[in-house]
Amino acid sequence: MYVFGAGGHGNVVCEVLQDSGIEVAEQFDDHVGRASSEGVCVADDIDFPALRHPLVIAVGNNYDRALIAEQLDVRYGKAIHPSSIVSSTATI
């Protein structure tokens, strides 16, 4: 799984994926200041290479997350913690 976002929300999503037994292939961010974070690839203007795995947009702000999603043509993944309780009527 790929994760776009290396802030607090992105790090939590990575942890959820790892707790679910899903490997994080790479974590991307378009914020140059996060380049120093271990394992984070800074993708200029969300222009990163073709992805071989699904992507989770791990940006906490709903508006920003929607803007990013509009720019991407990728397969999306899900990050659901194994201890989550999800309503039987919910669609994920």
Protein backbone atom coordinates (compact mmCIF):
# COMPACT_ATOMS: atom_id res chain seq x y z
CA MET A 1 0.00 0.00 0.00
CA TYR A 2 1.15 3.54 -0.69
CA VAL A 3 0.33 6.40 1.67
CA PHE A 4 0.09 10.03 0.57
CA GLY A 5 0.69 12.24 3.60
CA ALA A 6 3.50 12.25 6.12
CA GLY A 7 2.01 14.47 8.80
CA GLY A 8 0.33 13.22 11.96
CA HIS A 9 -2.64 11.71 10.08
CA GLY A 10 -0.33 9.98 7.59
CA ASN A 11 1.73 8.43 10.36
CA VAL A 12 -1.41 7.11 12.07
CA VAL A 13 -2.63 5.60 8.78
CA CYS A 14 0.75 3.89 8.34
CA GLU A 15 0.44 2.44 11.84
CA VAL A 16 -3.12 1.21 11.12
CA LEU A 17 -1.92 -0.51 7.95
CA GLN A 18 1.01 -2.12 9.76
CA ASP A 19 -1.27 -3.30 12.59
CA SER A 20 -3.48 -4.83 9.88
CA GLY A 21 -0.54 -6.75 8.43
CA ILE A 22 -0.38 -4.55 5.32
CA GLU A 23 3.04 -3.43 4.18
CA VAL A 24 3.51 0.27 3.45
CA ALA A 25 5.49 0.22 0.19
CA GLU A 26 6.18 3.96 0.30
CA GLN A 27 4.93 7.12 1.96
CA PHE A 28 4.66 10.29 -0.15
CA ASP A 29 4.20 13.94 0.73
CA ASP A 30 4.25 17.14 -1.29
CA HIS A 31 5.53 19.18 1.66
CA VAL A 32 9.29 19.62 1.29
CA GLY A 33 9.69 20.11 5.04
CA ARG A 34 8.77 16.48 5.61
CA ALA A 35 11.59 15.21 3.38
CA SER A 36 13.71 14.61 6.46
CA SER A 37 11.23 12.05 7.79
CA GLU A 38 12.67 8.58 7.40
CA GLY A 39 11.25 6.77 4.39
CA VAL A 40 9.21 9.70 3.05
CA CYS A 41 9.46 10.48 -0.65
CA VAL A 42 8.66 14.10 -1.44
CA ALA A 43 6.55 14.20 -4.58
CA ASP A 44 6.60 17.63 -6.19
CA ASP A 45 3.09 18.79 -7.10
CA ILE A 46 1.75 15.26 -6.59
CA ASP A 47 3.70 14.11 -9.64
CA PHE A 48 4.99 10.74 -8.51
CA PRO A 49 5.65 7.62 -10.56
CA ALA A 50 3.02 5.07 -11.57
CA LEU A 51 1.94 3.15 -8.50
CA ARG A 52 2.02 -0.64 -8.37
CA HIS A 53 -0.09 -0.79 -5.19
CA PRO A 54 -3.28 0.91 -3.96
CA LEU A 55 -2.99 4.35 -2.37
CA VAL A 56 -4.49 5.84 0.78
CA ILE A 57 -4.69 9.64 0.92
CA ALA A 58 -3.76 10.31 4.53
CA VAL A 59 -4.40 14.04 4.76
CA GLY A 60 -6.48 15.12 7.74
CA ASN A 61 -8.24 18.07 6.11
CA ASN A 62 -11.27 16.85 4.13
CA TYR A 63 -11.13 19.70 1.62
CA ASP A 64 -7.42 19.20 0.93
CA ARG A 65 -7.92 15.43 0.66
CA ALA A 66 -10.68 15.96 -1.95
CA LEU A 67 -8.45 18.31 -3.98
CA ILE A 68 -5.67 15.73 -4.00
CA ALA A 69 -8.07 12.96 -5.03
CA GLU A 70 -9.26 15.06 -8.00
CA GLN A 71 -5.69 15.16 -9.33
CA LEU A 72 -4.99 11.45 -9.11
CA ASP A 73 -5.93 8.52 -11.29
CA VAL A 74 -5.01 5.60 -9.02
CA ARG A 75 -6.48 2.57 -7.28
CA TYR A 76 -7.42 3.46 -3.72
CA GLY A 77 -6.88 1.28 -0.70
CA LYS A 78 -8.49 1.20 2.73
CA ALA A 79 -6.95 1.60 6.16
CA ILE A 80 -9.22 -0.03 8.74
CA HIS A 81 -7.72 -0.97 12.09
CA PRO A 82 -8.36 -4.61 13.04
CA SER A 83 -9.96 -3.55 16.33
CA SER A 84 -12.43 -1.17 14.60
CA ILE A 85 -16.14 -1.71 15.01
CA VAL A 86 -17.98 -0.89 11.79
CA SER A 87 -21.75 -0.74 11.52
CA SER A 88 -23.29 -3.60 9.54
CA THR A 89 -25.12 -0.99 7.45
CA ALA A 90 -21.98 1.04 6.62
CA THR A 91 -20.39 0.99 3.18
CA ILE A 92 -16.63 1.40 3.07
